[in-house]
């Protein structure tokens, strides 16, 4: 854990890079939906990956929720996964706003479109600041309508012993609709990230 811990300078640098990337993503989403997107300061921390499924269980079990995950791969071993978690109580309002049909298939299509905007804009903005580039795996969609929703959450990527976990919350204040984006970077990629952050800091 100590080897992977960030110095204060590295953490501040990463926080600023993430702030810029999430600002780009929220601006693009706001333009797409023609509404205001409220952002909270993201939470950043190193966690034991085995603890993450229990956090999901506590937050989302029993709710009408959907999850979309997207793996990403960069140069030099930098890789990870974004997970977007939606509570769907007001998803129909967004679907209607965007002209989608009122059915589960269209709702999933709408969430996939929003997820693509958030994840690719955020990750491309982050990669550019890190002088890197990312490629993406096909997104996976998991709905709470599936009987094994929680078990799928528990299986979705957490083979890592240690991960950098970044929690970002986007809120559409006009429509009472929000999503949580979780950025997970495995331990070995955290070491690569620390080196990149040092290079970024050396340029100032």
Protein backbone atom coordinates (compact mmCIF):
# COMPACT_ATOMS: atom_id res chain seq x y z
CA UNK A 1 0.00 0.00 0.00
CA UNK A 2 2.80 2.44 0.90
CA UNK A 3 4.49 1.95 -2.46
CA UNK A 4 1.27 2.89 -4.23
CA UNK A 5 0.25 5.76 -1.96
CA UNK A 6 0.28 9.21 -3.51
CA UNK A 7 2.33 12.07 -2.20
CA UNK A 8 0.40 15.24 -1.42
CA UNK A 9 1.72 16.79 -4.65
CA UNK A 10 0.70 13.77 -6.72
CA UNK A 11 -2.79 13.71 -5.19
CA UNK A 12 -3.30 17.43 -5.79
CA UNK A 13 -2.12 17.03 -9.39
CA UNK A 14 -4.44 14.06 -10.00
CA UNK A 15 -7.34 15.94 -8.40
CA UNK A 16 -6.82 18.87 -10.75
CA UNK A 17 -6.54 16.64 -13.84
CA UNK A 18 -9.74 14.83 -12.87
CA UNK A 19 -11.52 18.13 -12.22
CA UNK A 20 -10.66 19.30 -15.74
CA UNK A 21 -11.75 15.99 -17.32
CA UNK A 22 -15.06 15.83 -15.45
CA UNK A 23 -15.72 19.46 -16.36
CA UNK A 24 -15.35 18.59 -20.03
CA UNK A 25 -17.68 15.61 -19.62
CA UNK A 26 -20.34 17.56 -17.74
CA UNK A 27 -20.24 20.39 -20.28
CA UNK A 28 -20.79 17.96 -23.15
CA UNK A 29 -23.62 16.22 -21.31
CA UNK A 30 -25.24 19.57 -20.50
CA UNK A 31 -25.16 20.54 -24.18
CA UNK A 32 -26.54 17.15 -25.18
CA UNK A 33 -29.47 17.44 -22.76
CA UNK A 34 -29.77 21.24 -22.85
CA UNK A 35 -29.77 21.42 -19.06
CA UNK A 36 -27.45 22.23 -16.14
CA UNK A 37 -25.22 19.47 -14.77
CA UNK A 38 -24.13 19.89 -11.16
CA UNK A 39 -20.80 18.39 -10.10
CA UNK A 40 -19.50 17.47 -6.67
CA UNK A 41 -15.82 17.31 -5.75
CA UNK A 42 -14.72 13.75 -6.63
CA UNK A 43 -13.56 11.40 -3.90
CA UNK A 44 -10.20 9.78 -4.61
CA UNK A 45 -8.64 6.95 -2.63
CA UNK A 46 -6.75 3.67 -2.71
CA UNK A 47 -9.02 0.82 -1.67
CA UNK A 48 -8.95 -2.93 -1.26
CA UNK A 49 -10.83 -4.08 -4.34
CA UNK A 50 -12.53 -6.86 -2.38
CA UNK A 51 -14.42 -4.22 -0.39
CA UNK A 52 -16.01 -2.56 -3.42
CA UNK A 53 -18.81 -5.09 -4.11
CA UNK A 54 -20.12 -4.66 -0.56
CA UNK A 55 -20.28 -0.90 -1.10
CA UNK A 56 -22.33 -1.53 -4.25
CA UNK A 57 -24.60 -3.86 -2.31
CA UNK A 58 -25.20 -1.28 0.40
CA UNK A 59 -25.95 1.53 -2.07
CA UNK A 60 -27.91 -0.17 -4.83
CA UNK A 61 -29.50 -3.42 -3.66
CA UNK A 62 -33.27 -3.23 -3.95
CA UNK A 63 -33.26 -0.06 -6.05
CA UNK A 64 -34.36 0.34 -9.64
CA UNK A 65 -30.81 0.71 -10.97
CA UNK A 66 -28.69 0.09 -14.01
CA UNK A 67 -24.93 -0.20 -14.43
CA UNK A 68 -22.79 0.33 -17.51
CA UNK A 69 -19.11 -0.57 -17.37
CA UNK A 70 -16.40 0.24 -19.88
CA UNK A 71 -12.81 -0.99 -19.81
CA UNK A 72 -10.05 1.24 -21.12
CA UNK A 73 -6.45 0.61 -22.09
CA UNK A 74 -3.68 3.18 -22.50
CA UNK A 75 -0.02 3.31 -23.39
CA UNK A 76 2.59 1.90 -21.05
CA UNK A 77 0.25 -0.32 -19.03
CA UNK A 78 -2.15 2.39 -17.88
CA UNK A 79 -5.58 0.75 -17.80
CA UNK A 80 -8.76 0.50 -15.80
CA UNK A 81 -12.53 0.52 -15.91
CA UNK A 82 -15.29 3.08 -15.59
CA UNK A 83 -18.54 2.06 -13.97
CA UNK A 84 -21.62 4.26 -14.26
CA UNK A 85 -24.44 3.54 -11.85
CA UNK A 86 -27.89 5.01 -12.47
CA UNK A 87 -31.00 5.10 -10.32
CA UNK A 88 -33.78 4.81 -12.86
CA UNK A 89 -36.82 6.33 -11.16
CA UNK A 90 -36.74 9.38 -13.44
CA UNK A 91 -35.04 7.84 -16.48
CA UNK A 92 -38.29 8.00 -18.45
CA UNK A 93 -38.22 11.80 -18.33
CA UNK A 94 -34.78 11.85 -19.95
CA UNK A 95 -35.85 9.30 -22.55
CA UNK A 96 -38.84 11.44 -23.49
CA UNK A 97 -36.68 14.56 -23.58
CA UNK A 98 -34.36 12.91 -26.09
CA UNK A 99 -37.13 11.37 -28.18
CA UNK A 100 -36.63 7.71 -27.24
CA UNK A 101 -39.55 5.30 -27.11
CA UNK A 102 -41.08 4.46 -23.74
CA UNK A 103 -39.75 0.92 -23.27
CA UNK A 104 -36.89 -0.86 -21.54
CA UNK A 105 -34.84 -1.28 -24.74
CA UNK A 106 -34.97 2.43 -25.51
CA UNK A 107 -34.14 3.24 -21.89
CA UNK A 108 -31.01 1.10 -22.13
CA UNK A 109 -30.09 2.75 -25.42
CA UNK A 110 -30.49 6.17 -23.82
CA UNK A 111 -28.30 5.23 -20.85
CA UNK A 112 -25.68 3.79 -23.17
CA UNK A 113 -25.62 7.04 -25.14
CA UNK A 114 -25.25 9.14 -21.98
CA UNK A 115 -22.57 6.79 -20.67
CA UNK A 116 -20.63 7.05 -23.90
CA UNK A 117 -20.67 10.85 -23.65
CA UNK A 118 -19.53 10.85 -20.04
CA UNK A 119 -16.90 8.13 -20.18
CA UNK A 120 -15.21 8.86 -23.49
CA UNK A 121 -15.18 12.63 -22.96
CA UNK A 122 -13.86 12.24 -19.42
CA UNK A 123 -11.23 9.64 -20.33
CA UNK A 124 -10.09 11.43 -23.49
CA UNK A 125 -9.71 14.63 -21.47
CA UNK A 126 -7.74 12.81 -18.80
CA UNK A 127 -5.57 10.99 -21.34
CA UNK A 128 -4.70 14.21 -23.14
CA UNK A 129 -3.48 15.78 -19.91
CA UNK A 130 -1.41 12.66 -19.17
CA UNK A 131 0.09 12.70 -22.69
CA UNK A 132 -1.49 9.29 -23.25
CA UNK A 133 -4.29 7.80 -25.35
CA UNK A 134 -6.96 5.26 -24.49
CA UNK A 135 -8.74 2.55 -26.42
CA UNK A 136 -12.02 1.13 -25.16
CA UNK A 137 -13.72 -2.21 -24.77
CA UNK A 138 -17.37 -2.66 -25.66
CA UNK A 139 -19.67 -1.42 -22.85
CA UNK A 140 -21.51 -3.91 -20.67
CA UNK A 141 -25.01 -3.16 -19.40
CA UNK A 142 -26.40 -4.73 -16.23
CA UNK A 143 -29.94 -3.93 -15.11
CA UNK A 144 -31.52 -4.35 -11.68
CA UNK A 145 -34.31 -6.14 -13.54
CA UNK A 146 -31.89 -9.06 -13.73
CA UNK A 147 -32.39 -11.43 -10.81
CA UNK A 148 -28.64 -11.70 -10.24
CA UNK A 149 -27.94 -7.95 -10.46
CA UNK A 150 -25.91 -7.83 -7.24
CA UNK A 151 -23.91 -10.96 -8.05
CA UNK A 152 -23.02 -9.46 -11.44
CA UNK A 153 -21.88 -6.30 -9.69
CA UNK A 154 -19.67 -8.39 -7.45
CA UNK A 155 -18.11 -10.18 -10.42
CA UNK A 156 -17.63 -7.20 -12.68
CA UNK A 157 -13.93 -6.50 -12.49
CA UNK A 158 -12.65 -6.88 -9.02
CA UNK A 159 -9.90 -9.39 -9.47
CA UNK A 160 -7.47 -6.70 -8.36
CA UNK A 161 -6.07 -6.70 -4.82
CA UNK A 162 -5.74 -2.93 -4.75
CA UNK A 163 -7.31 -0.22 -6.85
CA UNK A 164 -7.44 3.52 -7.15
CA UNK A 165 -11.13 4.42 -6.79
CA UNK A 166 -12.43 7.78 -7.98
CA UNK A 167 -16.11 8.60 -7.32
CA UNK A 168 -17.71 11.28 -9.50
CA UNK A 169 -21.35 12.34 -9.21
CA UNK A 170 -23.22 14.07 -12.03
CA UNK A 171 -26.62 15.57 -11.18
CA UNK A 172 -29.18 16.87 -13.69
CA UNK A 173 -30.92 19.32 -11.42
CA UNK A 174 -33.81 20.07 -13.80
CA UNK A 175 -34.86 16.42 -14.05
CA UNK A 176 -34.01 14.81 -10.66
CA UNK A 177 -31.75 12.37 -12.47
CA UNK A 178 -28.17 11.58 -11.54
CA UNK A 179 -25.44 9.03 -11.99
CA UNK A 180 -22.30 8.01 -10.16
CA UNK A 181 -19.20 7.35 -12.22
CA UNK A 182 -16.55 5.22 -10.58
CA UNK A 183 -13.09 5.11 -12.11
CA UNK A 184 -11.09 2.04 -11.11
CA UNK A 185 -7.38 1.66 -11.85
CA UNK A 186 -5.63 -1.56 -10.71
CA UNK A 187 -2.56 -1.51 -8.52
CA UNK A 188 0.10 -2.05 -11.18
CA UNK A 189 -1.38 0.73 -13.29
CA UNK A 190 -1.39 3.02 -10.25
CA UNK A 191 2.40 2.78 -10.20
CA UNK A 192 2.47 3.83 -13.85
CA UNK A 193 0.11 6.70 -13.06
CA UNK A 194 2.37 7.92 -10.25
CA UNK A 195 5.29 8.12 -12.69
CA UNK A 196 3.18 10.07 -15.20
CA UNK A 197 2.04 12.48 -12.48
CA UNK A 198 5.67 13.11 -11.55
CA UNK A 199 6.40 13.96 -15.18
CA UNK A 200 3.44 16.35 -15.24
CA UNK A 201 4.64 18.04 -12.04
CA UNK A 202 8.18 18.34 -13.40
CA UNK A 203 6.89 20.48 -16.26
CA UNK A 204 5.69 23.21 -13.86
